[in-house]
């Protein structure tokens, strides 16, 4: 059985990114636990 951490190792909330007038990330939220690999 997998162990689930009580609190994520990394938390991202409401992330926005734009290049000039082009918004490429619009309010991204993410939790990553220890040992996980995550990409956007």
PDB file of N, CA and C in Angstrom:
ATOM      1  N   UNK A   1       0.837  -1.169   0.000  1.00  0.00           N
ATOM      2  CA  UNK A   1       0.000   0.000   0.000  1.00  0.00           C
ATOM      3  C   UNK A   1       0.889   1.242   0.000  1.00  0.00           C
ATOM      4  N   UNK A   2       0.539   2.229  -0.808  1.00  0.00           N
ATOM      5  CA  UNK A   2       1.326   3.455  -0.930  1.00  0.00           C
ATOM      6  C   UNK A   2       1.141   4.338   0.299  1.00  0.00           C
ATOM      7  N   UNK A   3       2.219   5.003   0.672  1.00  0.00           N
ATOM      8  CA  UNK A   3       2.183   5.944   1.791  1.00  0.00           C
ATOM      9  C   UNK A   3       1.780   7.310   1.260  1.00  0.00           C
ATOM     10  N   UNK A   4       0.796   7.938   1.864  1.00  0.00           N
ATOM     11  CA  UNK A   4       0.350   9.269   1.459  1.00  0.00           C
ATOM     12  C   UNK A   4       0.800  10.265   2.520  1.00  0.00           C
ATOM     13  N   UNK A   5       1.584  11.259   2.092  1.00  0.00           N
ATOM     14  CA  UNK A   5       2.093  12.268   3.020  1.00  0.00           C
ATOM     15  C   UNK A   5       0.942  13.131   3.533  1.00  0.00           C
ATOM     16  N   UNK A   6       1.035  13.544   4.779  1.00  0.00           N
ATOM     17  CA  UNK A   6       0.003  14.393   5.372  1.00  0.00           C
ATOM     18  C   UNK A   6      -0.024  15.764   4.709  1.00  0.00           C
ATOM     19  N   UNK A   7       1.129  16.254   4.298  1.00  0.00           N
ATOM     20  CA  UNK A   7       1.223  17.564   3.665  1.00  0.00           C
ATOM     21  C   UNK A   7       2.140  17.452   2.460  1.00  0.00           C
ATOM     22  N   UNK A   8       1.780  18.048   1.317  1.00  0.00           N
ATOM     23  CA  UNK A   8       2.619  17.960   0.121  1.00  0.00           C
ATOM     24  C   UNK A   8       3.998  18.594   0.343  1.00  0.00           C
ATOM     25  N   UNK A   9       4.997  18.078  -0.367  1.00  0.00           N
ATOM     26  CA  UNK A   9       6.341  18.654  -0.304  1.00  0.00           C
ATOM     27  C   UNK A   9       6.377  20.005  -1.009  1.00  0.00           C
ATOM     28  N   UNK A  10       5.561  20.146  -2.063  1.00  0.00           N
ATOM     29  CA  UNK A  10       5.482  21.400  -2.827  1.00  0.00           C
ATOM     30  C   UNK A  10       4.017  21.716  -3.089  1.00  0.00           C
ATOM     31  N   UNK A  11       3.645  22.969  -2.871  1.00  0.00           N
ATOM     32  CA  UNK A  11       2.300  23.432  -3.189  1.00  0.00           C
ATOM     33  C   UNK A  11       2.399  24.662  -4.077  1.00  0.00           C
ATOM     34  N   UNK A  12       1.626  24.674  -5.146  1.00  0.00           N
ATOM     35  CA  UNK A  12       1.524  25.838  -6.030  1.00  0.00           C
ATOM     36  C   UNK A  12       0.051  26.201  -6.089  1.00  0.00           C
ATOM     37  N   UNK A  13      -0.268  27.466  -5.916  1.00  0.00           N
ATOM     38  CA  UNK A  13      -1.653  27.915  -5.937  1.00  0.00           C
ATOM     39  C   UNK A  13      -1.804  29.112  -6.868  1.00  0.00           C
ATOM     40  N   UNK A  14      -2.760  29.009  -7.784  1.00  0.00           N
ATOM     41  CA  UNK A  14      -3.181  30.111  -8.654  1.00  0.00           C
ATOM     42  C   UNK A  14      -2.013  30.726  -9.433  1.00  0.00           C
ATOM     43  N   UNK A  15      -1.203  29.879 -10.056  1.00  0.00           N
ATOM     44  CA  UNK A  15      -0.044  30.323 -10.832  1.00  0.00           C
ATOM     45  C   UNK A  15      -0.483  30.822 -12.205  1.00  0.00           C
ATOM     46  N   UNK A  16       0.018  31.981 -12.576  1.00  0.00           N
ATOM     47  CA  UNK A  16      -0.244  32.564 -13.894  1.00  0.00           C
ATOM     48  C   UNK A  16       1.088  32.863 -14.565  1.00  0.00           C
ATOM     49  N   UNK A  17       1.151  32.663 -15.884  1.00  0.00           N
ATOM     50  CA  UNK A  17       2.349  33.006 -16.656  1.00  0.00           C
ATOM     51  C   UNK A  17       1.904  33.482 -18.021  1.00  0.00           C
ATOM     52  N   UNK A  18       2.509  34.563 -18.484  1.00  0.00           N
ATOM     53  CA  UNK A  18       2.197  35.060 -19.818  1.00  0.00           C
ATOM     54  C   UNK A  18       3.475  35.478 -20.521  1.00  0.00           C
ATOM     55  N   UNK A  19       3.407  35.429 -21.832  1.00  0.00           N
ATOM     56  CA  UNK A  19       4.475  35.905 -22.704  1.00  0.00           C
ATOM     57  C   UNK A  19       3.865  37.013 -23.539  1.00  0.00           C
ATOM     58  N   UNK A  20       4.146  38.249 -23.150  1.00  0.00           N
ATOM     59  CA  UNK A  20       3.492  39.375 -23.805  1.00  0.00           C
ATOM     60  C   UNK A  20       1.999  39.316 -23.527  1.00  0.00           C
ATOM     61  N   UNK A  21       1.191  39.354 -24.584  1.00  0.00           N
ATOM     62  CA  UNK A  21      -0.265  39.312 -24.440  1.00  0.00           C
ATOM     63  C   UNK A  21      -0.814  37.893 -24.366  1.00  0.00           C
ATOM     64  N   UNK A  22       0.051  36.880 -24.519  1.00  0.00           N
ATOM     65  CA  UNK A  22      -0.397  35.485 -24.543  1.00  0.00           C
ATOM     66  C   UNK A  22      -0.280  34.874 -23.146  1.00  0.00           C
ATOM     67  N   UNK A  23      -1.421  34.570 -22.537  1.00  0.00           N
ATOM     68  CA  UNK A  23      -1.431  33.929 -21.221  1.00  0.00           C
ATOM     69  C   UNK A  23      -1.362  32.417 -21.423  1.00  0.00           C
ATOM     70  N   UNK A  24      -0.292  31.785 -20.928  1.00  0.00           N
ATOM     71  CA  UNK A  24      -0.077  30.354 -21.166  1.00  0.00           C
ATOM     72  C   UNK A  24      -0.439  29.484 -19.964  1.00  0.00           C
ATOM     73  N   UNK A  25      -0.401  30.037 -18.766  1.00  0.00           N
ATOM     74  CA  UNK A  25      -0.884  29.344 -17.572  1.00  0.00           C
ATOM     75  C   UNK A  25      -1.930  30.236 -16.928  1.00  0.00           C
ATOM     76  N   UNK A  26      -3.096  29.665 -16.656  1.00  0.00           N
ATOM     77  CA  UNK A  26      -4.220  30.464 -16.162  1.00  0.00           C
ATOM     78  C   UNK A  26      -4.743  29.882 -14.855  1.00  0.00           C
ATOM     79  N   UNK A  27      -4.117  30.247 -13.759  1.00  0.00           N
ATOM     80  CA  UNK A  27      -4.604  29.832 -12.449  1.00  0.00           C
ATOM     81  C   UNK A  27      -4.336  28.378 -12.112  1.00  0.00           C
ATOM     82  N   UNK A  28      -3.156  27.878 -12.449  1.00  0.00           N
ATOM     83  CA  UNK A  28      -2.784  26.490 -12.178  1.00  0.00           C
ATOM     84  C   UNK A  28      -2.529  26.299 -10.682  1.00  0.00           C
ATOM     85  N   UNK A  29      -3.071  25.221 -10.120  1.00  0.00           N
ATOM     86  CA  UNK A  29      -2.778  24.818  -8.740  1.00  0.00           C
ATOM     87  C   UNK A  29      -2.277  23.383  -8.764  1.00  0.00           C
ATOM     88  N   UNK A  30      -1.304  23.076  -7.910  1.00  0.00           N
ATOM     89  CA  UNK A  30      -0.665  21.768  -7.955  1.00  0.00           C
ATOM     90  C   UNK A  30      -0.105  21.410  -6.589  1.00  0.00           C
ATOM     91  N   UNK A  31      -0.283  20.161  -6.189  1.00  0.00           N
ATOM     92  CA  UNK A  31       0.374  19.602  -5.007  1.00  0.00           C
ATOM     93  C   UNK A  31       1.268  18.464  -5.476  1.00  0.00           C
ATOM     94  N   UNK A  32       2.485  18.389  -4.967  1.00  0.00           N
ATOM     95  CA  UNK A  32       3.401  17.294  -5.291  1.00  0.00           C
ATOM     96  C   UNK A  32       3.937  16.715  -3.989  1.00  0.00           C
ATOM     97  N   UNK A  33       3.815  15.417  -3.858  1.00  0.00           N
ATOM     98  CA  UNK A  33       4.320  14.721  -2.680  1.00  0.00           C
ATOM     99  C   UNK A  33       5.774  14.321  -2.884  1.00  0.00           C
ATOM    100  N   UNK A  34       6.461  14.056  -1.804  1.00  0.00           N
ATOM    101  CA  UNK A  34       7.853  13.626  -1.857  1.00  0.00           C
ATOM    102  C   UNK A  34       7.974  12.393  -2.750  1.00  0.00           C
ATOM    103  N   UNK A  35       8.951  12.429  -3.668  1.00  0.00           N
ATOM    104  CA  UNK A  35       9.192  11.301  -4.565  1.00  0.00           C
ATOM    105  C   UNK A  35       8.411  11.355  -5.865  1.00  0.00           C
ATOM    106  N   UNK A  36       7.505  12.302  -6.015  1.00  0.00           N
ATOM    107  CA  UNK A  36       6.733  12.429  -7.251  1.00  0.00           C
ATOM    108  C   UNK A  36       7.461  13.312  -8.251  1.00  0.00           C
ATOM    109  N   UNK A  37       7.287  13.015  -9.521  1.00  0.00           N
ATOM    110  CA  UNK A  37       7.787  13.836 -10.611  1.00  0.00           C
ATOM    111  C   UNK A  37       6.584  14.429 -11.320  1.00  0.00           C
ATOM    112  N   UNK A  38       6.579  15.755 -11.482  1.00  0.00           N
ATOM    113  CA  UNK A  38       5.434  16.450 -12.062  1.00  0.00           C
ATOM    114  C   UNK A  38       5.946  17.414 -13.118  1.00  0.00           C
ATOM    115  N   UNK A  39       5.218  17.515 -14.230  1.00  0.00           N
ATOM    116  CA  UNK A  39       5.554  18.520 -15.240  1.00  0.00           C
ATOM    117  C   UNK A  39       4.276  19.171 -15.737  1.00  0.00           C
ATOM    118  N   UNK A  40       4.420  20.369 -16.217  1.00  0.00           N
ATOM    119  CA  UNK A  40       3.288  21.112 -16.770  1.00  0.00           C
ATOM    120  C   UNK A  40       3.575  21.363 -18.241  1.00  0.00           C
TER     121      UNK A  40
END
